[in-house]
C-alpha cells in the first residue's frame, strides 16, 4: 500500500532539490546533443533518416523546444506542447501518426522532432509535474514513486516510476515508449548530473531494457549532452 505522506514528502524534497517551482517556471535551458547510440536510435534511422541537431533551446514549463540548424544549416524544428513544425510551418499534432503498424516505421525528421521534443521538455519538467500526477505506488525503502500523468502532459506514457536519492535527486525512471511499441520497457538512468545555476542537468542519459523493474544489459538508448546553459526569464 502506498504511504501517501512519504510520497508527498519526497516530491516536495525533489522540487526543492531542483531549485523550486518559481525558478523552474522561468527556466530556459540550452544544450548540445553530442552523441546518440543504442538499439532504438539505430532501428529508427539515426544518422540516416534523421540527424541530431547541434543545439536545442528548451522552455520546460511551457513544454517548448527549438532545435537549431535542424537537418540543415539554418533549419529549425519546433516542438510546442505536443505539436511540431519544421521551419516556418504552423505546428501540428503528430502523436496520432504513431498508431498500429506505423509504429514500426523509420523516423522522418518530423518524427524524431516529436520524440526528442517531448522527451527533452518533460525530462526537464520533472519533478515539478509529479505534483499534478496521480500517485499510484510508493516504495519507501527504494524511494520509488509510480505515478499516472494526466493527458495534457506530453511524455512517453502516462504510467512512470521515478527513483530518488535521499536529497530528492532523480537517479532513474522507468517507462514504456508508447510511440515505439509496448515492447519498449526501459529503465532510464540519469548520469553525470551537473549543477548549472543551481539546477541539476543530467548530461549522460542511458536507457536499458528491463524485465519488470529489473534492468538488463541490453542498451536501448545512450545520449550525451554538453554546452549546458541555464537562464531564468524575468
Protein backbone atom coordinates (compact mmCIF):
# COMPACT_ATOMS: atom_id res chain seq x y z
CA UNK A 1 0.00 0.00 0.00
CA UNK A 2 1.24 3.46 -0.87
CA UNK A 3 2.36 5.61 2.01
CA UNK A 4 0.99 8.95 0.79
CA UNK A 5 2.73 11.13 3.35
CA UNK A 6 6.13 9.75 2.43
CA UNK A 7 5.42 10.16 -1.28
CA UNK A 8 4.32 13.78 -0.84
CA UNK A 9 7.36 14.46 1.28
CA UNK A 10 9.68 13.05 -1.39
CA UNK A 11 8.05 15.10 -4.15
CA UNK A 12 8.48 18.24 -2.07
CA UNK A 13 12.09 17.38 -1.33
CA UNK A 14 12.77 16.75 -5.03
CA UNK A 15 11.16 20.03 -6.09
CA UNK A 16 13.42 21.91 -3.70
CA UNK A 17 16.45 19.91 -4.91
CA UNK A 18 15.74 21.16 -8.43
CA UNK A 19 15.52 24.79 -7.34
CA UNK A 20 11.83 25.23 -6.51
CA UNK A 21 8.74 25.86 -8.59
CA UNK A 22 9.19 29.60 -9.11
CA UNK A 23 12.67 29.23 -10.64
CA UNK A 24 11.55 26.33 -12.81
CA UNK A 25 8.64 28.34 -14.23
CA UNK A 26 11.21 30.83 -15.54
CA UNK A 27 13.80 28.23 -16.62
CA UNK A 28 15.31 28.45 -20.10
CA UNK A 29 17.80 25.73 -20.95
CA UNK A 30 20.14 25.36 -23.92
CA UNK A 31 22.26 22.30 -24.67
CA UNK A 32 24.11 20.44 -27.40
CA UNK A 33 23.34 16.77 -28.15
CA UNK A 34 26.79 15.35 -28.96
CA UNK A 35 26.15 11.60 -29.09
CA UNK A 36 23.22 9.27 -29.68
CA UNK A 37 23.61 5.50 -29.69
CA UNK A 38 21.82 2.31 -28.75
CA UNK A 39 19.38 -0.07 -30.39
CA UNK A 40 16.39 2.27 -30.59
CA UNK A 41 18.08 5.16 -32.47
CA UNK A 42 19.70 2.67 -34.83
CA UNK A 43 16.38 0.98 -35.60
CA UNK A 44 14.69 4.34 -36.15
CA UNK A 45 17.28 5.66 -38.60
CA UNK A 46 19.63 7.91 -36.59
CA UNK A 47 22.24 9.31 -38.96
CA UNK A 48 20.31 8.03 -41.97
CA UNK A 49 16.70 9.26 -41.99
CA UNK A 50 17.22 11.92 -39.30
CA UNK A 51 20.16 13.63 -37.61
CA UNK A 52 20.88 15.16 -34.25
CA UNK A 53 20.57 18.94 -34.06
CA UNK A 54 23.73 20.73 -32.92
CA UNK A 55 21.78 22.85 -30.44
CA UNK A 56 18.45 22.82 -28.61
CA UNK A 57 16.68 25.53 -26.63
CA UNK A 58 14.13 24.28 -24.08
CA UNK A 59 11.46 26.07 -22.03
CA UNK A 60 10.23 23.19 -19.87
CA UNK A 61 7.33 24.95 -18.10
CA UNK A 62 5.73 25.68 -21.49
CA UNK A 63 6.72 22.29 -22.97
CA UNK A 64 8.55 24.05 -25.80
CA UNK A 65 11.77 23.06 -27.55
CA UNK A 66 13.52 24.61 -30.55
CA UNK A 67 16.14 22.60 -32.44
CA UNK A 68 18.60 24.87 -34.22
CA UNK A 69 20.27 24.02 -37.55
CA UNK A 70 17.95 21.06 -37.68
CA UNK A 71 18.65 18.81 -40.69
CA UNK A 72 20.45 21.68 -42.48
CA UNK A 73 22.31 24.91 -41.61
CA UNK A 74 19.70 27.48 -40.62
CA UNK A 75 16.94 24.88 -40.34
CA UNK A 76 14.64 25.00 -37.33
CA UNK A 77 12.47 22.34 -35.73
CA UNK A 78 9.88 23.36 -33.13
CA UNK A 79 8.07 21.32 -30.52
CA UNK A 80 5.22 23.27 -28.93
CA UNK A 81 3.24 21.45 -26.22
CA UNK A 82 2.84 18.28 -28.26
CA UNK A 83 2.71 19.90 -31.71
CA UNK A 84 5.65 20.02 -34.16
CA UNK A 85 6.76 22.09 -37.12
CA UNK A 86 9.73 22.41 -39.45
CA UNK A 87 10.80 25.89 -40.49
CA UNK A 88 8.02 28.48 -40.62
CA UNK A 89 5.17 25.96 -40.86
CA UNK A 90 2.40 26.06 -38.27
CA UNK A 91 2.85 23.42 -35.53
CA UNK A 92 0.56 20.41 -35.94
CA UNK A 93 -0.42 17.43 -33.81
CA UNK A 94 1.75 14.41 -34.55
CA UNK A 95 1.34 11.70 -31.91
CA UNK A 96 -1.68 10.18 -33.67
CA UNK A 97 0.59 9.18 -36.58
CA UNK A 98 2.28 6.56 -34.36
CA UNK A 99 -0.55 4.04 -34.43
CA UNK A 100 -0.77 0.41 -35.42
CA UNK A 101 1.81 -0.80 -37.87
CA UNK A 102 3.05 2.76 -38.40
CA UNK A 103 4.93 2.49 -35.11
CA UNK A 104 7.42 0.24 -36.90
CA UNK A 105 8.50 2.84 -39.46
CA UNK A 106 11.86 4.54 -39.53
CA UNK A 107 11.60 8.09 -38.31
CA UNK A 108 11.49 11.13 -40.52
CA UNK A 109 12.94 14.43 -39.22
CA UNK A 110 9.42 15.36 -38.07
CA UNK A 111 9.02 12.05 -36.19
CA UNK A 112 12.36 12.49 -34.42
CA UNK A 113 11.48 16.09 -33.62
CA UNK A 114 8.33 14.93 -31.88
CA UNK A 115 10.07 12.19 -29.88
CA UNK A 116 13.05 14.24 -28.73
CA UNK A 117 10.90 17.34 -28.25
CA UNK A 118 8.56 15.75 -25.75
CA UNK A 119 11.39 13.77 -24.14
CA UNK A 120 13.66 16.76 -23.50
CA UNK A 121 10.87 19.04 -22.35
CA UNK A 122 9.45 16.52 -19.90
CA UNK A 123 12.79 15.25 -18.59
CA UNK A 124 13.44 18.83 -17.50
CA UNK A 125 9.90 19.24 -16.14
CA UNK A 126 10.10 16.52 -13.51
CA UNK A 127 9.95 16.52 -10.53
CA UNK A 128 7.63 19.52 -10.94
CA UNK A 129 4.99 17.70 -12.99
CA UNK A 130 4.82 15.00 -10.32
CA UNK A 131 2.71 17.38 -8.25
CA UNK A 132 -0.12 17.18 -10.81
CA UNK A 133 0.15 13.41 -11.35
CA UNK A 134 -1.91 10.74 -9.63
CA UNK A 135 0.11 8.72 -7.11
CA UNK A 136 -0.18 5.00 -7.81
CA UNK A 137 2.50 3.40 -5.60
CA UNK A 138 5.27 4.38 -3.21
CA UNK A 139 8.16 2.15 -2.10
CA UNK A 140 9.83 3.94 0.81
CA UNK A 141 12.75 1.53 1.00
CA UNK A 142 13.71 2.01 -2.64
CA UNK A 143 12.47 5.62 -2.78
CA UNK A 144 10.48 4.62 -5.88
CA UNK A 145 7.34 6.54 -6.82
CA UNK A 146 4.92 5.36 -9.52
CA UNK A 147 2.56 7.99 -10.93
CA UNK A 148 -0.02 8.43 -13.67
CA UNK A 149 0.35 11.65 -15.65
CA UNK A 150 -2.74 13.43 -16.98
CA UNK A 151 -3.32 13.55 -20.77
CA UNK A 152 -2.09 17.15 -21.09
CA UNK A 153 1.43 16.11 -20.04
CA UNK A 154 3.37 15.17 -23.18
CA UNK A 155 5.64 12.27 -22.30
CA UNK A 156 6.46 8.64 -23.14
CA UNK A 157 3.49 7.05 -21.40
CA UNK A 158 1.12 8.04 -18.59
CA UNK A 159 2.44 5.50 -16.04
CA UNK A 160 6.06 6.03 -14.97
CA UNK A 161 8.19 5.19 -11.95
CA UNK A 162 10.84 7.53 -10.54
CA UNK A 163 13.72 6.64 -8.22
CA UNK A 164 15.31 9.30 -6.00
CA UNK A 165 18.33 9.64 -3.78
CA UNK A 166 17.83 10.85 -0.24
CA UNK A 167 18.16 14.52 -1.24
CA UNK A 168 15.46 14.25 -3.93
CA UNK A 169 17.74 13.97 -6.96
CA UNK A 170 16.23 11.75 -9.67
CA UNK A 171 18.51 8.79 -10.40
CA UNK A 172 16.35 6.69 -12.69
CA UNK A 173 12.89 6.46 -14.16
CA UNK A 174 11.04 3.59 -15.81
CA UNK A 175 8.51 3.84 -18.62
CA UNK A 176 7.29 2.41 -21.90
CA UNK A 177 7.90 4.44 -25.07
CA UNK A 178 4.33 4.19 -26.38
CA UNK A 179 5.02 5.68 -29.81
CA UNK A 180 7.57 2.92 -30.47
CA UNK A 181 5.64 -0.02 -29.00
CA UNK A 182 4.63 -1.76 -25.80
CA UNK A 183 7.83 -3.83 -26.01
CA UNK A 184 9.98 -0.79 -25.25
CA UNK A 185 10.11 -1.15 -21.48
CA UNK A 186 13.03 0.99 -20.40
CA UNK A 187 14.97 1.80 -17.25
CA UNK A 188 16.36 5.29 -17.83
CA UNK A 189 19.39 6.27 -15.73
CA UNK A 190 20.23 9.94 -15.16
CA UNK A 191 24.05 10.04 -15.08
CA UNK A 192 26.67 12.78 -14.69
CA UNK A 193 24.31 15.40 -13.31
CA UNK A 194 25.87 18.86 -13.35
CA UNK A 195 24.70 21.76 -11.22
CA UNK A 196 24.22 24.73 -13.55
CA UNK A 197 22.93 27.91 -11.88
CA UNK A 198 21.53 25.75 -9.08
CA UNK A 199 19.65 23.41 -11.46
CA UNK A 200 20.81 19.77 -11.88
CA UNK A 201 21.17 18.65 -15.51
CA UNK A 202 21.89 15.03 -16.47
CA UNK A 203 24.49 15.16 -19.24
CA UNK A 204 24.52 11.39 -19.82
CA UNK A 205 21.22 9.56 -20.27
CA UNK A 206 21.33 5.80 -20.57
CA UNK A 207 18.26 3.63 -21.19
CA UNK A 208 18.37 -0.15 -20.92
CA UNK A 209 15.62 -2.71 -21.44
CA UNK A 210 14.06 -4.05 -18.26
CA UNK A 211 12.13 -7.09 -17.12
CA UNK A 212 9.59 -5.83 -14.63
CA UNK A 213 11.67 -3.45 -12.53
CA UNK A 214 14.95 -5.30 -13.20
CA UNK A 215 17.36 -3.62 -15.68
CA UNK A 216 19.01 -5.84 -18.31
CA UNK A 217 22.33 -5.33 -20.16
CA UNK A 218 20.52 -4.52 -23.44
CA UNK A 219 21.28 -0.90 -24.30
CA UNK A 220 18.22 0.79 -25.82
CA UNK A 221 19.50 4.36 -25.95
CA UNK A 222 22.63 6.24 -24.90
CA UNK A 223 22.70 10.04 -25.18
CA UNK A 224 25.29 12.62 -24.15
CA UNK A 225 24.73 16.35 -23.84
CA UNK A 226 27.22 19.19 -23.50
CA UNK A 227 27.49 23.01 -23.54
CA UNK A 228 24.75 23.29 -20.92
CA UNK A 229 23.47 26.81 -20.26
CA UNK A 230 20.75 27.76 -17.82
CA UNK A 231 18.95 31.11 -17.67
CA UNK A 232 15.83 32.39 -15.98
CA UNK A 233 13.29 34.68 -17.65
CA UNK A 234 12.37 37.85 -15.79
